[in-house]
């Protein structure tokens, strides 16, 4: 009788777990320490950042806004704090536009999470 109750409890528990697709599951598990989802960050990066920084973040994009887009895989970038990189994303640089009006904070964190994966 006890075994039947345990089995019934497990089956009921499994029935209460929502069914999610692989994309939703990835969005739940692929996050950095700041809560950024690097899977969606990659899509945002490819849409908005790769034109200058290149598809792999090596600074080899079209250079639309001026010379020398940052190579995001170099130590000069990878050693910066999350806060410093988020500030650059939000405020921009002389040859980089500000993204604070175009990307939500969640999107910015997602891009940061993706940037952090570029050297791995």
Protein backbone atom coordinates (compact mmCIF):
# COMPACT_ATOMS: atom_id res chain seq x y z
CA UNK A 1 0.00 0.00 0.00
CA UNK A 2 2.83 2.39 0.87
CA UNK A 3 4.56 1.78 -2.48
CA UNK A 4 1.34 2.59 -4.34
CA UNK A 5 1.05 5.89 -2.41
CA UNK A 6 4.65 6.80 -3.26
CA UNK A 7 4.12 6.02 -6.94
CA UNK A 8 0.87 7.97 -6.97
CA UNK A 9 2.61 10.94 -5.29
CA UNK A 10 5.42 10.91 -7.86
CA UNK A 11 2.96 10.72 -10.76
CA UNK A 12 0.92 13.61 -9.36
CA UNK A 13 4.08 15.67 -8.88
CA UNK A 14 5.14 15.02 -12.47
CA UNK A 15 1.69 16.01 -13.71
CA UNK A 16 2.08 19.40 -12.02
CA UNK A 17 5.38 20.20 -13.77
CA UNK A 18 4.68 22.49 -16.74
CA UNK A 19 5.71 21.17 -20.11
CA UNK A 20 8.22 23.50 -21.76
CA UNK A 21 10.04 23.35 -25.04
CA UNK A 22 13.83 23.21 -25.31
CA UNK A 23 14.06 26.98 -25.98
CA UNK A 24 12.12 27.83 -22.81
CA UNK A 25 14.19 25.35 -20.82
CA UNK A 26 17.41 26.92 -22.16
CA UNK A 27 16.12 30.35 -21.20
CA UNK A 28 15.57 29.12 -17.65
CA UNK A 29 18.97 27.49 -17.24
CA UNK A 30 21.41 29.48 -19.38
CA UNK A 31 21.93 32.48 -17.16
CA UNK A 32 24.96 34.21 -15.74
CA UNK A 33 25.38 35.42 -12.17
CA UNK A 34 23.57 38.67 -13.02
CA UNK A 35 20.56 36.85 -14.42
CA UNK A 36 21.33 37.43 -18.09
CA UNK A 37 20.22 34.79 -20.56
CA UNK A 38 23.13 34.24 -22.95
CA UNK A 39 20.94 32.41 -25.48
CA UNK A 40 18.73 35.43 -26.09
CA UNK A 41 21.81 37.63 -25.59
CA UNK A 42 23.38 36.01 -28.64
CA UNK A 43 20.34 36.84 -30.76
CA UNK A 44 20.35 40.45 -29.54
CA UNK A 45 24.12 40.68 -30.09
CA UNK A 46 23.86 39.37 -33.65
CA UNK A 47 21.05 41.82 -34.41
CA UNK A 48 22.53 44.96 -32.84
CA UNK A 49 26.24 44.50 -32.08
CA UNK A 50 27.81 42.14 -34.62
CA UNK A 51 27.77 44.79 -37.34
CA UNK A 52 30.71 46.50 -35.63
CA UNK A 53 32.07 43.91 -33.20
CA UNK A 54 31.81 41.01 -35.66
CA UNK A 55 29.77 37.83 -35.27
CA UNK A 56 32.29 36.35 -32.80
CA UNK A 57 32.96 39.67 -31.01
CA UNK A 58 36.52 40.00 -32.34
CA UNK A 59 36.11 43.62 -33.52
CA UNK A 60 36.07 42.58 -37.16
CA UNK A 61 32.64 43.85 -38.19
CA UNK A 62 31.86 46.55 -40.73
CA UNK A 63 33.37 49.36 -38.63
CA UNK A 64 30.38 51.54 -39.48
CA UNK A 65 30.82 53.99 -36.64
CA UNK A 66 34.55 54.47 -36.75
CA UNK A 67 37.81 52.58 -36.45
CA UNK A 68 38.69 49.91 -33.98
CA UNK A 69 35.49 48.44 -32.54
CA UNK A 70 36.41 46.61 -29.34
CA UNK A 71 37.56 43.02 -29.60
CA UNK A 72 35.35 41.58 -26.87
CA UNK A 73 37.51 38.46 -26.53
CA UNK A 74 40.65 40.33 -25.43
CA UNK A 75 41.71 40.59 -21.79
CA UNK A 76 41.17 44.36 -21.90
CA UNK A 77 37.45 43.56 -22.14
CA UNK A 78 37.17 40.21 -20.37
CA UNK A 79 38.86 41.56 -17.24
CA UNK A 80 36.39 44.44 -16.90
CA UNK A 81 33.65 44.09 -14.31
CA UNK A 82 30.07 43.41 -15.30
CA UNK A 83 29.18 46.88 -14.03
CA UNK A 84 31.78 48.54 -16.28
CA UNK A 85 30.63 46.60 -19.35
CA UNK A 86 26.96 47.31 -18.65
CA UNK A 87 27.82 51.00 -18.33
CA UNK A 88 29.52 50.90 -21.74
CA UNK A 89 26.48 49.17 -23.26
CA UNK A 90 24.14 51.73 -21.71
CA UNK A 91 26.17 54.91 -22.21
CA UNK A 92 28.19 54.06 -25.32
CA UNK A 93 31.64 55.38 -26.22
CA UNK A 94 32.87 58.02 -28.68
CA UNK A 95 32.59 55.55 -31.59
CA UNK A 96 29.74 53.46 -30.10
CA UNK A 97 26.14 54.53 -29.62
CA UNK A 98 24.32 54.37 -26.32
CA UNK A 99 21.95 51.43 -26.12
CA UNK A 100 20.04 52.45 -22.99
CA UNK A 101 17.05 53.69 -24.98
CA UNK A 102 17.03 50.71 -27.36
CA UNK A 103 17.68 47.77 -25.03
CA UNK A 104 15.94 46.98 -21.79
CA UNK A 105 18.06 46.27 -18.73
CA UNK A 106 17.17 42.59 -19.15
CA UNK A 107 18.35 42.66 -22.78
CA UNK A 108 21.57 44.42 -21.77
CA UNK A 109 22.25 41.75 -19.13
CA UNK A 110 21.55 39.08 -21.73
CA UNK A 111 24.07 40.65 -24.13
CA UNK A 112 26.60 40.82 -21.30
CA UNK A 113 25.98 37.14 -20.50
CA UNK A 114 26.63 36.30 -24.16
CA UNK A 115 29.80 38.45 -24.27
CA UNK A 116 31.07 36.53 -21.25
CA UNK A 117 30.74 33.27 -23.27
CA UNK A 118 32.85 34.49 -26.20
CA UNK A 119 36.16 33.47 -24.67
CA UNK A 120 34.99 30.06 -23.48
